[in-house]
Amino acid sequence: RKLLNYAEPLGHFMAFVPGLPANERRQQVWPSTVAYLARLVIHRYAMLGVLDEQGYPVREMGVLENPAGGRASAELAGRPCPECGNPTVIKKDGCDFCTACGYVGQCG
């Protein structure tokens, strides 16, 4: 929201106001490219239902909760990986594959 009024020397220009219906389109002088892009981003997030048109969250954001069941990504147990050292090397499509770092080893 602070960027909506960000000015730069000789940076003002005219551009269409985002979010107006086609029959009500009008141009406005913006203080800078940054201010115009900030308005576009806020308008897009408002269309997605994340922010209102003033740039405030529609609902209070909080810390994301961990899914029930523990770890976010299940790493398979296997042999030690020569690249990252985790015990996560398994056979995948006939090749050694590390589920932690993506290392691909010997095939066959």
PDB file of N, CA and C in Angstrom:
ATOM      1  N   ARG A   1       0.820  -1.193   0.000  1.00  0.00           N
ATOM      2  CA  ARG A   1       0.000   0.000   0.000  1.00  0.00           C
ATOM      3  C   ARG A   1       0.860   1.251   0.000  1.00  0.00           C
ATOM      4  N   LYS A   2       2.028   1.181   0.624  1.00  0.00           N
ATOM      5  CA  LYS A   2       2.886   2.361   0.659  1.00  0.00           C
ATOM      6  C   LYS A   2       3.400   2.725  -0.731  1.00  0.00           C
ATOM      7  N   LEU A   3       3.504   1.753  -1.608  1.00  0.00           N
ATOM      8  CA  LEU A   3       4.027   2.015  -2.945  1.00  0.00           C
ATOM      9  C   LEU A   3       3.036   2.729  -3.849  1.00  0.00           C
ATOM     10  N   LEU A   4       1.768   2.810  -3.443  1.00  0.00           N
ATOM     11  CA  LEU A   4       0.762   3.470  -4.275  1.00  0.00           C
ATOM     12  C   LEU A   4       1.057   4.952  -4.475  1.00  0.00           C
ATOM     13  N   ASN A   5       1.789   5.553  -3.551  1.00  0.00           N
ATOM     14  CA  ASN A   5       2.120   6.977  -3.647  1.00  0.00           C
ATOM     15  C   ASN A   5       3.600   7.210  -3.907  1.00  0.00           C
ATOM     16  N   TYR A   6       4.325   6.153  -4.254  1.00  0.00           N
ATOM     17  CA  TYR A   6       5.760   6.270  -4.498  1.00  0.00           C
ATOM     18  C   TYR A   6       5.995   7.082  -5.767  1.00  0.00           C
ATOM     19  N   ALA A   7       6.719   8.168  -5.621  1.00  0.00           N
ATOM     20  CA  ALA A   7       7.001   9.038  -6.771  1.00  0.00           C
ATOM     21  C   ALA A   7       8.466   8.932  -7.148  1.00  0.00           C
ATOM     22  N   GLU A   8       8.726   9.117  -8.417  1.00  0.00           N
ATOM     23  CA  GLU A   8      10.102   9.176  -8.885  1.00  0.00           C
ATOM     24  C   GLU A   8      10.237  10.415  -9.766  1.00  0.00           C
ATOM     25  N   PRO A   9      11.416  11.026  -9.816  1.00  0.00           N
ATOM     26  CA  PRO A   9      11.589  12.244 -10.608  1.00  0.00           C
ATOM     27  C   PRO A   9      11.224  12.006 -12.076  1.00  0.00           C
ATOM     28  N   LEU A  10      10.370  12.843 -12.600  1.00  0.00           N
ATOM     29  CA  LEU A  10       9.906  12.764 -13.984  1.00  0.00           C
ATOM     30  C   LEU A  10       9.324  11.389 -14.310  1.00  0.00           C
ATOM     31  N   GLY A  11       8.751  10.742 -13.308  1.00  0.00           N
ATOM     32  CA  GLY A  11       8.240   9.396 -13.504  1.00  0.00           C
ATOM     33  C   GLY A  11       6.750   9.321 -13.721  1.00  0.00           C
ATOM     34  N   HIS A  12       6.033  10.445 -13.630  1.00  0.00           N
ATOM     35  CA  HIS A  12       4.580  10.409 -13.753  1.00  0.00           C
ATOM     36  C   HIS A  12       4.171  10.117 -15.198  1.00  0.00           C
ATOM     37  N   PHE A  13       3.083   9.388 -15.342  1.00  0.00           N
ATOM     38  CA  PHE A  13       2.571   9.054 -16.665  1.00  0.00           C
ATOM     39  C   PHE A  13       1.094   8.732 -16.566  1.00  0.00           C
ATOM     40  N   MET A  14       0.430   8.664 -17.710  1.00  0.00           N
ATOM     41  CA  MET A  14      -1.002   8.348 -17.735  1.00  0.00           C
ATOM     42  C   MET A  14      -1.182   6.882 -18.101  1.00  0.00           C
ATOM     43  N   ALA A  15      -2.108   6.230 -17.397  1.00  0.00           N
ATOM     44  CA  ALA A  15      -2.439   4.833 -17.695  1.00  0.00           C
ATOM     45  C   ALA A  15      -3.864   4.583 -17.232  1.00  0.00           C
ATOM     46  N   PHE A  16      -4.462   3.519 -17.748  1.00  0.00           N
ATOM     47  CA  PHE A  16      -5.830   3.188 -17.381  1.00  0.00           C
ATOM     48  C   PHE A  16      -5.915   2.739 -15.927  1.00  0.00           C
ATOM     49  N   VAL A  17      -7.017   3.078 -15.282  1.00  0.00           N
ATOM     50  CA  VAL A  17      -7.277   2.660 -13.907  1.00  0.00           C
ATOM     51  C   VAL A  17      -7.723   1.203 -13.954  1.00  0.00           C
ATOM     52  N   PRO A  18      -7.020   0.291 -13.267  1.00  0.00           N
ATOM     53  CA  PRO A  18      -7.406  -1.116 -13.320  1.00  0.00           C
ATOM     54  C   PRO A  18      -8.719  -1.379 -12.590  1.00  0.00           C
ATOM     55  N   GLY A  19      -9.494  -2.314 -13.122  1.00  0.00           N
ATOM     56  CA  GLY A  19     -10.704  -2.759 -12.448  1.00  0.00           C
ATOM     57  C   GLY A  19     -11.989  -2.089 -12.862  1.00  0.00           C
ATOM     58  N   LEU A  20     -11.917  -1.122 -13.745  1.00  0.00           N
ATOM     59  CA  LEU A  20     -13.148  -0.459 -14.179  1.00  0.00           C
ATOM     60  C   LEU A  20     -13.762  -1.230 -15.348  1.00  0.00           C
ATOM     61  N   PRO A  21     -15.101  -1.281 -15.422  1.00  0.00           N
ATOM     62  CA  PRO A  21     -15.746  -1.933 -16.572  1.00  0.00           C
ATOM     63  C   PRO A  21     -15.363  -1.229 -17.877  1.00  0.00           C
ATOM     64  N   ALA A  22     -15.507  -1.936 -18.988  1.00  0.00           N
ATOM     65  CA  ALA A  22     -15.083  -1.409 -20.290  1.00  0.00           C
ATOM     66  C   ALA A  22     -15.765  -0.089 -20.636  1.00  0.00           C
ATOM     67  N   ASN A  23     -17.028   0.067 -20.270  1.00  0.00           N
ATOM     68  CA  ASN A  23     -17.738   1.304 -20.612  1.00  0.00           C
ATOM     69  C   ASN A  23     -17.377   2.470 -19.688  1.00  0.00           C
ATOM     70  N   GLU A  24     -16.649   2.209 -18.612  1.00  0.00           N
ATOM     71  CA  GLU A  24     -16.248   3.267 -17.676  1.00  0.00           C
ATOM     72  C   GLU A  24     -14.735   3.473 -17.649  1.00  0.00           C
ATOM     73  N   ARG A  25     -14.023   2.924 -18.617  1.00  0.00           N
ATOM     74  CA  ARG A  25     -12.561   3.038 -18.617  1.00  0.00           C
ATOM     75  C   ARG A  25     -12.145   4.498 -18.670  1.00  0.00           C
ATOM     76  N   ARG A  26     -11.177   4.827 -17.832  1.00  0.00           N
ATOM     77  CA  ARG A  26     -10.634   6.183 -17.832  1.00  0.00           C
ATOM     78  C   ARG A  26      -9.163   6.111 -17.469  1.00  0.00           C
ATOM     79  N   GLN A  27      -8.447   7.152 -17.808  1.00  0.00           N
ATOM     80  CA  GLN A  27      -7.030   7.208 -17.499  1.00  0.00           C
ATOM     81  C   GLN A  27      -6.789   8.088 -16.290  1.00  0.00           C
ATOM     82  N   GLN A  28      -5.653   7.853 -15.660  1.00  0.00           N
ATOM     83  CA  GLN A  28      -5.275   8.618 -14.479  1.00  0.00           C
ATOM     84  C   GLN A  28      -3.778   8.871 -14.553  1.00  0.00           C
ATOM     85  N   VAL A  29      -3.331   9.951 -13.963  1.00  0.00           N
ATOM     86  CA  VAL A  29      -1.901  10.225 -13.876  1.00  0.00           C
ATOM     87  C   VAL A  29      -1.365   9.496 -12.648  1.00  0.00           C
ATOM     88  N   TRP A  30      -0.355   8.668 -12.866  1.00  0.00           N
ATOM     89  CA  TRP A  30       0.275   7.904 -11.786  1.00  0.00           C
ATOM     90  C   TRP A  30       1.620   8.542 -11.471  1.00  0.00           C
ATOM     91  N   PRO A  31       2.029   8.578 -10.182  1.00  0.00           N
ATOM     92  CA  PRO A  31       3.288   9.240  -9.828  1.00  0.00           C
ATOM     93  C   PRO A  31       4.533   8.506 -10.308  1.00  0.00           C
ATOM     94  N   SER A  32       4.411   7.199 -10.587  1.00  0.00           N
ATOM     95  CA  SER A  32       5.562   6.423 -11.049  1.00  0.00           C
ATOM     96  C   SER A  32       5.086   5.078 -11.581  1.00  0.00           C
ATOM     97  N   THR A  33       5.981   4.396 -12.245  1.00  0.00           N
ATOM     98  CA  THR A  33       5.694   3.041 -12.712  1.00  0.00           C
ATOM     99  C   THR A  33       5.463   2.120 -11.524  1.00  0.00           C
ATOM    100  N   VAL A  34       6.234   2.310 -10.459  1.00  0.00           N
ATOM    101  CA  VAL A  34       6.100   1.487  -9.256  1.00  0.00           C
ATOM    102  C   VAL A  34       4.705   1.634  -8.662  1.00  0.00           C
ATOM    103  N   ALA A  35       4.202   2.860  -8.590  1.00  0.00           N
ATOM    104  CA  ALA A  35       2.866   3.095  -8.032  1.00  0.00           C
ATOM    105  C   ALA A  35       1.796   2.426  -8.886  1.00  0.00           C
ATOM    106  N   TYR A  36       1.944   2.504 -10.200  1.00  0.00           N
ATOM    107  CA  TYR A  36       0.966   1.875 -11.091  1.00  0.00           C
ATOM    108  C   TYR A  36       0.998   0.355 -10.947  1.00  0.00           C
ATOM    109  N   LEU A  37       2.189  -0.230 -10.893  1.00  0.00           N
ATOM    110  CA  LEU A  37       2.298  -1.684 -10.720  1.00  0.00           C
ATOM    111  C   LEU A  37       1.751  -2.124  -9.368  1.00  0.00           C
ATOM    112  N   ALA A  38       1.951  -1.313  -8.326  1.00  0.00           N
ATOM    113  CA  ALA A  38       1.381  -1.642  -7.016  1.00  0.00           C
ATOM    114  C   ALA A  38      -0.139  -1.682  -7.095  1.00  0.00           C
ATOM    115  N   ARG A  39      -0.750  -0.730  -7.811  1.00  0.00           N
ATOM    116  CA  ARG A  39      -2.209  -0.723  -7.976  1.00  0.00           C
ATOM    117  C   ARG A  39      -2.662  -1.958  -8.753  1.00  0.00           C
ATOM    118  N   LEU A  40      -1.918  -2.350  -9.792  1.00  0.00           N
ATOM    119  CA  LEU A  40      -2.265  -3.548 -10.565  1.00  0.00           C
ATOM    120  C   LEU A  40      -2.207  -4.807  -9.703  1.00  0.00           C
ATOM    121  N   VAL A  41      -1.169  -4.921  -8.870  1.00  0.00           N
ATOM    122  CA  VAL A  41      -1.026  -6.098  -8.003  1.00  0.00           C
ATOM    123  C   VAL A  41      -2.157  -6.149  -6.984  1.00  0.00           C
ATOM    124  N   ILE A  42      -2.463  -5.022  -6.362  1.00  0.00           N
ATOM    125  CA  ILE A  42      -3.559  -4.986  -5.385  1.00  0.00           C
ATOM    126  C   ILE A  42      -4.880  -5.341  -6.056  1.00  0.00           C
ATOM    127  N   HIS A  43      -5.107  -4.815  -7.257  1.00  0.00           N
ATOM    128  CA  HIS A  43      -6.345  -5.140  -7.974  1.00  0.00           C
ATOM    129  C   HIS A  43      -6.418  -6.632  -8.289  1.00  0.00           C
ATOM    130  N   ARG A  44      -5.303  -7.212  -8.708  1.00  0.00           N
ATOM    131  CA  ARG A  44      -5.292  -8.649  -9.036  1.00  0.00           C
ATOM    132  C   ARG A  44      -5.574  -9.486  -7.793  1.00  0.00           C
ATOM    133  N   TYR A  45      -4.947  -9.153  -6.670  1.00  0.00           N
ATOM    134  CA  TYR A  45      -5.209  -9.891  -5.431  1.00  0.00           C
ATOM    135  C   TYR A  45      -6.646  -9.687  -4.962  1.00  0.00           C
ATOM    136  N   ALA A  46      -7.214  -8.528  -5.236  1.00  0.00           N
ATOM    137  CA  ALA A  46      -8.624  -8.297  -4.894  1.00  0.00           C
ATOM    138  C   ALA A  46      -9.519  -9.187  -5.750  1.00  0.00           C
ATOM    139  N   MET A  47      -9.171  -9.353  -7.029  1.00  0.00           N
ATOM    140  CA  MET A  47      -9.943 -10.239  -7.900  1.00  0.00           C
ATOM    141  C   MET A  47      -9.870 -11.686  -7.418  1.00  0.00           C
ATOM    142  N   LEU A  48      -8.725 -12.076  -6.855  1.00  0.00           N
ATOM    143  CA  LEU A  48      -8.543 -13.437  -6.350  1.00  0.00           C
ATOM    144  C   LEU A  48      -9.146 -13.634  -4.964  1.00  0.00           C
ATOM    145  N   GLY A  49      -9.586 -12.546  -4.323  1.00  0.00           N
ATOM    146  CA  GLY A  49     -10.208 -12.642  -3.010  1.00  0.00           C
ATOM    147  C   GLY A  49      -9.240 -12.643  -1.849  1.00  0.00           C
ATOM    148  N   VAL A  50      -7.985 -12.264  -2.098  1.00  0.00           N
ATOM    149  CA  VAL A  50      -6.983 -12.239  -1.033  1.00  0.00           C
ATOM    150  C   VAL A  50      -6.982 -10.888  -0.322  1.00  0.00           C
ATOM    151  N   LEU A  51      -7.080  -9.800  -1.097  1.00  0.00           N
ATOM    152  CA  LEU A  51      -7.091  -8.445  -0.541  1.00  0.00           C
ATOM    153  C   LEU A  51      -8.368  -7.732  -0.961  1.00  0.00           C
ATOM    154  N   ASP A  52      -8.703  -6.647  -0.217  1.00  0.00           N
ATOM    155  CA  ASP A  52      -9.786  -5.783  -0.692  1.00  0.00           C
ATOM    156  C   ASP A  52      -9.161  -4.725  -1.612  1.00  0.00           C
ATOM    157  N   GLU A  53      -9.962  -3.833  -2.178  1.00  0.00           N
ATOM    158  CA  GLU A  53      -9.443  -2.855  -3.140  1.00  0.00           C
ATOM    159  C   GLU A  53      -8.505  -1.821  -2.509  1.00  0.00           C
ATOM    160  N   GLN A  54      -8.501  -1.715  -1.173  1.00  0.00           N
ATOM    161  CA  GLN A  54      -7.569  -0.800  -0.506  1.00  0.00           C
ATOM    162  C   GLN A  54      -6.246  -1.488  -0.177  1.00  0.00           C
ATOM    163  N   GLY A  55      -6.145  -2.801  -0.428  1.00  0.00           N
ATOM    164  CA  GLY A  55      -4.902  -3.519  -0.191  1.00  0.00           C
ATOM    165  C   GLY A  55      -4.819  -4.203   1.154  1.00  0.00           C
ATOM    166  N   TYR A  56      -5.928  -4.301   1.870  1.00  0.00           N
ATOM    167  CA  TYR A  56      -5.936  -4.974   3.166  1.00  0.00           C
ATOM    168  C   TYR A  56      -6.428  -6.409   3.007  1.00  0.00           C
ATOM    169  N   PRO A  57      -5.908  -7.339   3.819  1.00  0.00           N
ATOM    170  CA  PRO A  57      -6.345  -8.734   3.714  1.00  0.00           C
ATOM    171  C   PRO A  57      -7.841  -8.877   3.978  1.00  0.00           C
ATOM    172  N   VAL A  58      -8.491  -9.746   3.210  1.00  0.00           N
ATOM    173  CA  VAL A  58      -9.916  -9.998   3.384  1.00  0.00           C
ATOM    174  C   VAL A  58     -10.162 -10.713   4.706  1.00  0.00           C
ATOM    175  N   ARG A  59      -9.294 -11.658   5.037  1.00  0.00           N
ATOM    176  CA  ARG A  59      -9.389 -12.314   6.342  1.00  0.00           C
ATOM    177  C   ARG A  59      -7.998 -12.337   6.956  1.00  0.00           C
ATOM    178  N   GLU A  60      -7.954 -12.418   8.261  1.00  0.00           N
ATOM    179  CA  GLU A  60      -6.684 -12.343   8.964  1.00  0.00           C
ATOM    180  C   GLU A  60      -5.796 -13.520   8.598  1.00  0.00           C
ATOM    181  N   MET A  61      -4.555 -13.199   8.289  1.00  0.00           N
ATOM    182  CA  MET A  61      -3.590 -14.235   7.948  1.00  0.00           C
ATOM    183  C   MET A  61      -2.917 -14.699   9.232  1.00  0.00           C
ATOM    184  N   GLY A  62      -2.572 -15.951   9.273  1.00  0.00           N
ATOM    185  CA  GLY A  62      -1.906 -16.484  10.449  1.00  0.00           C
ATOM    186  C   GLY A  62      -0.833 -17.469  10.045  1.00  0.00           C
ATOM    187  N   VAL A  63      -0.285 -18.118  11.030  1.00  0.00           N
ATOM    188  CA  VAL A  63       0.717 -19.141  10.784  1.00  0.00           C
ATOM    189  C   VAL A  63       0.019 -20.353  10.194  1.00  0.00           C
ATOM    190  N   LEU A  64       0.600 -20.900   9.159  1.00  0.00           N
ATOM    191  CA  LEU A  64       0.024 -22.092   8.556  1.00  0.00           C
ATOM    192  C   LEU A  64       0.146 -23.261   9.515  1.00  0.00           C
ATOM    193  N   GLU A  65      -0.857 -24.095   9.526  1.00  0.00           N
ATOM    194  CA  GLU A  65      -0.839 -25.256  10.397  1.00  0.00           C
ATOM    195  C   GLU A  65      -0.202 -26.428   9.674  1.00  0.00           C
ATOM    196  N   ASN A  66       0.560 -27.228  10.421  1.00  0.00           N
ATOM    197  CA  ASN A  66       1.120 -28.446   9.858  1.00  0.00           C
ATOM    198  C   ASN A  66       0.015 -29.469   9.688  1.00  0.00           C
ATOM    199  N   PRO A  67       0.021 -30.202   8.602  1.00  0.00           N
ATOM    200  CA  PRO A  67      -1.002 -31.227   8.428  1.00  0.00           C
ATOM    201  C   PRO A  67      -0.854 -32.321   9.477  1.00  0.00           C
ATOM    202  N   ALA A  68      -1.993 -32.875   9.866  1.00  0.00           N
ATOM    203  CA  ALA A  68      -1.961 -33.964  10.844  1.00  0.00           C
ATOM    204  C   ALA A  68      -1.194 -35.129  10.249  1.00  0.00           C
ATOM    205  N   GLY A  69      -0.306 -35.706  11.026  1.00  0.00           N
ATOM    206  CA  GLY A  69       0.461 -36.834  10.533  1.00  0.00           C
ATOM    207  C   GLY A  69       1.950 -36.555  10.526  1.00  0.00           C
ATOM    208  N   GLY A  70       2.357 -35.360  10.937  1.00  0.00           N
ATOM    209  CA  GLY A  70       3.781 -35.138  11.105  1.00  0.00           C
ATOM    210  C   GLY A  70       4.449 -34.395   9.973  1.00  0.00           C
ATOM    211  N   ARG A  71       5.361 -35.058   9.282  1.00  0.00           N
ATOM    212  CA  ARG A  71       6.246 -34.419   8.318  1.00  0.00           C
ATOM    213  C   ARG A  71       5.496 -33.925   7.085  1.00  0.00           C
ATOM    214  N   ALA A  72       5.995 -32.832   6.533  1.00  0.00           N
ATOM    215  CA  ALA A  72       5.362 -32.257   5.348  1.00  0.00           C
ATOM    216  C   ALA A  72       5.627 -33.102   4.106  1.00  0.00           C
ATOM    217  N   SER A  73       6.824 -33.639   3.984  1.00  0.00           N
ATOM    218  CA  SER A  73       7.138 -34.493   2.842  1.00  0.00           C
ATOM    219  C   SER A  73       7.686 -35.817   3.352  1.00  0.00           C
ATOM    220  N   ALA A  74       7.153 -36.873   2.828  1.00  0.00           N
ATOM    221  CA  ALA A  74       7.580 -38.200   3.263  1.00  0.00           C
ATOM    222  C   ALA A  74       8.838 -38.595   2.507  1.00  0.00           C
ATOM    223  N   GLU A  75       9.948 -38.742   3.217  1.00  0.00           N
ATOM    224  CA  GLU A  75      11.187 -39.201   2.610  1.00  0.00           C
ATOM    225  C   GLU A  75      11.293 -40.693   2.849  1.00  0.00           C
ATOM    226  N   LEU A  76      11.596 -41.415   1.801  1.00  0.00           N
ATOM    227  CA  LEU A  76      11.699 -42.855   1.909  1.00  0.00           C
ATOM    228  C   LEU A  76      13.059 -43.228   2.483  1.00  0.00           C
ATOM    229  N   ALA A  77      13.089 -44.256   3.320  1.00  0.00           N
ATOM    230  CA  ALA A  77      14.344 -44.711   3.917  1.00  0.00           C
ATOM    231  C   ALA A  77      15.086 -45.579   2.914  1.00  0.00           C
ATOM    232  N   GLY A  78      16.395 -45.418   2.825  1.00  0.00           N
ATOM    233  CA  GLY A  78      17.194 -46.201   1.890  1.00  0.00           C
ATOM    234  C   GLY A  78      18.666 -46.097   2.217  1.00  0.00           C
ATOM    235  N   ARG A  79      19.508 -46.286   1.209  1.00  0.00           N
ATOM    236  CA  ARG A  79      20.961 -46.217   1.390  1.00  0.00           C
ATOM    237  C   ARG A  79      21.407 -44.753   1.499  1.00  0.00           C
ATOM    238  N   PRO A  80      22.604 -44.519   2.047  1.00  0.00           N
ATOM    239  CA  PRO A  80      23.118 -43.146   2.148  1.00  0.00           C
ATOM    240  C   PRO A  80      23.385 -42.552   0.759  1.00  0.00           C
ATOM    241  N   CYS A  81      23.051 -41.298   0.596  1.00  0.00           N
ATOM    242  CA  CYS A  81      23.265 -40.589  -0.669  1.00  0.00           C
ATOM    243  C   CYS A  81      24.695 -40.057  -0.706  1.00  0.00           C
ATOM    244  N   PRO A  82      25.431 -40.290  -1.807  1.00  0.00           N
ATOM    245  CA  PRO A  82      26.801 -39.772  -1.886  1.00  0.00           C
ATOM    246  C   PRO A  82      26.856 -38.247  -2.033  1.00  0.00           C
ATOM    247  N   GLU A  83      25.751 -37.627  -2.422  1.00  0.00           N
ATOM    248  CA  GLU A  83      25.744 -36.179  -2.629  1.00  0.00           C
ATOM    249  C   GLU A  83      25.328 -35.413  -1.375  1.00  0.00           C
ATOM    250  N   CYS A  84      24.201 -35.819  -0.735  1.00  0.00           N
ATOM    251  CA  CYS A  84      23.711 -35.063   0.419  1.00  0.00           C
ATOM    252  C   CYS A  84      23.916 -35.797   1.746  1.00  0.00           C
ATOM    253  N   GLY A  85      24.207 -37.092   1.696  1.00  0.00           N
ATOM    254  CA  GLY A  85      24.480 -37.846   2.913  1.00  0.00           C
ATOM    255  C   GLY A  85      23.267 -38.404   3.625  1.00  0.00           C
ATOM    256  N   ASN A  86      22.069 -38.072   3.176  1.00  0.00           N
ATOM    257  CA  ASN A  86      20.856 -38.598   3.812  1.00  0.00           C
ATOM    258  C   ASN A  86      20.636 -40.055   3.419  1.00  0.00           C
ATOM    259  N   PRO A  87      20.047 -40.843   4.312  1.00  0.00           N
ATOM    260  CA  PRO A  87      19.780 -42.255   3.990  1.00  0.00           C
ATOM    261  C   PRO A  87      18.502 -42.397   3.160  1.00  0.00           C
ATOM    262  N   THR A  88      18.497 -41.816   1.958  1.00  0.00           N
ATOM    263  CA  THR A  88      17.270 -41.738   1.172  1.00  0.00           C
ATOM    264  C   THR A  88      17.435 -42.200  -0.272  1.00  0.00           C
ATOM    265  N   VAL A  89      18.472 -42.992  -0.585  1.00  0.00           N
ATOM    266  CA  VAL A  89      18.664 -43.489  -1.948  1.00  0.00           C
ATOM    267  C   VAL A  89      17.860 -44.768  -2.131  1.00  0.00           C
ATOM    268  N   ILE A  90      16.983 -44.754  -3.135  1.00  0.00           N
ATOM    269  CA  ILE A  90      16.139 -45.906  -3.449  1.00  0.00           C
ATOM    270  C   ILE A  90      16.297 -46.230  -4.931  1.00  0.00           C
ATOM    271  N   LYS A  91      15.749 -47.356  -5.374  1.00  0.00           N
ATOM    272  CA  LYS A  91      15.706 -47.692  -6.795  1.00  0.00           C
ATOM    273  C   LYS A  91      14.430 -47.104  -7.378  1.00  0.00           C
ATOM    274  N   LYS A  92      14.564 -46.323  -8.442  1.00  0.00           N
ATOM    275  CA  LYS A  92      13.407 -45.728  -9.106  1.00  0.00           C
ATOM    276  C   LYS A  92      13.633 -45.850 -10.606  1.00  0.00           C
ATOM    277  N   ASP A  93      12.746 -46.524 -11.276  1.00  0.00           N
ATOM    278  CA  ASP A  93      12.863 -46.765 -12.720  1.00  0.00           C
ATOM    279  C   ASP A  93      14.201 -47.404 -13.071  1.00  0.00           C
ATOM    280  N   GLY A  94      14.705 -48.267 -12.196  1.00  0.00           N
ATOM    281  CA  GLY A  94      15.947 -48.983 -12.452  1.00  0.00           C
ATOM    282  C   GLY A  94      17.205 -48.215 -12.119  1.00  0.00           C
ATOM    283  N   CYS A  95      17.085 -47.014 -11.588  1.00  0.00           N
ATOM    284  CA  CYS A  95      18.249 -46.198 -11.251  1.00  0.00           C
ATOM    285  C   CYS A  95      18.238 -45.863  -9.764  1.00  0.00           C
ATOM    286  N   ASP A  96      19.437 -45.617  -9.221  1.00  0.00           N
ATOM    287  CA  ASP A  96      19.524 -45.120  -7.850  1.00  0.00           C
ATOM    288  C   ASP A  96      19.021 -43.678  -7.847  1.00  0.00           C
ATOM    289  N   PHE A  97      18.127 -43.354  -6.913  1.00  0.00           N
ATOM    290  CA  PHE A  97      17.520 -42.026  -6.851  1.00  0.00           C
ATOM    291  C   PHE A  97      17.425 -41.588  -5.399  1.00  0.00           C
ATOM    292  N   CYS A  98      17.874 -40.367  -5.103  1.00  0.00           N
ATOM    293  CA  CYS A  98      17.783 -39.817  -3.750  1.00  0.00           C
ATOM    294  C   CYS A  98      16.490 -39.020  -3.635  1.00  0.00           C
ATOM    295  N   THR A  99      15.625 -39.413  -2.703  1.00  0.00           N
ATOM    296  CA  THR A  99      14.348 -38.722  -2.524  1.00  0.00           C
ATOM    297  C   THR A  99      14.511 -37.384  -1.813  1.00  0.00           C
ATOM    298  N   ALA A 100      15.690 -37.121  -1.228  1.00  0.00           N
ATOM    299  CA  ALA A 100      15.912 -35.855  -0.527  1.00  0.00           C
ATOM    300  C   ALA A 100      16.443 -34.763  -1.459  1.00  0.00           C
ATOM    301  N   CYS A 101      17.442 -35.095  -2.296  1.00  0.00           N
ATOM    302  CA  CYS A 101      18.072 -34.053  -3.117  1.00  0.00           C
ATOM    303  C   CYS A 101      17.901 -34.260  -4.615  1.00  0.00           C
ATOM    304  N   GLY A 102      17.381 -35.423  -5.033  1.00  0.00           N
ATOM    305  CA  GLY A 102      17.159 -35.665  -6.452  1.00  0.00           C
ATOM    306  C   GLY A 102      18.343 -36.274  -7.177  1.00  0.00           C
ATOM    307  N   TYR A 103      19.388 -36.639  -6.455  1.00  0.00           N
ATOM    308  CA  TYR A 103      20.565 -37.272  -7.055  1.00  0.00           C
ATOM    309  C   TYR A 103      20.150 -38.530  -7.815  1.00  0.00           C
ATOM    310  N   VAL A 104      20.675 -38.696  -9.031  1.00  0.00           N
ATOM    311  CA  VAL A 104      20.450 -39.908  -9.818  1.00  0.00           C
ATOM    312  C   VAL A 104      21.796 -40.575 -10.000  1.00  0.00           C
ATOM    313  N   GLY A 105      21.861 -41.830  -9.558  1.00  0.00           N
ATOM    314  CA  GLY A 105      23.121 -42.561  -9.623  1.00  0.00           C
ATOM    315  C   GLY A 105      23.118 -43.612 -10.704  1.00  0.00           C
ATOM    316  N   GLN A 106      23.727 -44.727 -10.384  1.00  0.00           N
ATOM    317  CA  GLN A 106      23.915 -45.819 -11.336  1.00  0.00           C
ATOM    318  C   GLN A 106      22.579 -46.438 -11.734  1.00  0.00           C
ATOM    319  N   CYS A 107      22.427 -46.716 -13.008  1.00  0.00           N
ATOM    320  CA  CYS A 107      21.217 -47.354 -13.515  1.00  0.00           C
ATOM    321  C   CYS A 107      21.531 -48.789 -13.918  1.00  0.00           C
ATOM    322  N   GLY A 108      20.535 -49.647 -13.755  1.00  0.00           N
ATOM    323  CA  GLY A 108      20.704 -51.028 -14.217  1.00  0.00           C
ATOM    324  C   GLY A 108      20.686 -52.043 -13.131  1.00  0.00           C
TER     325      GLY A 108
END
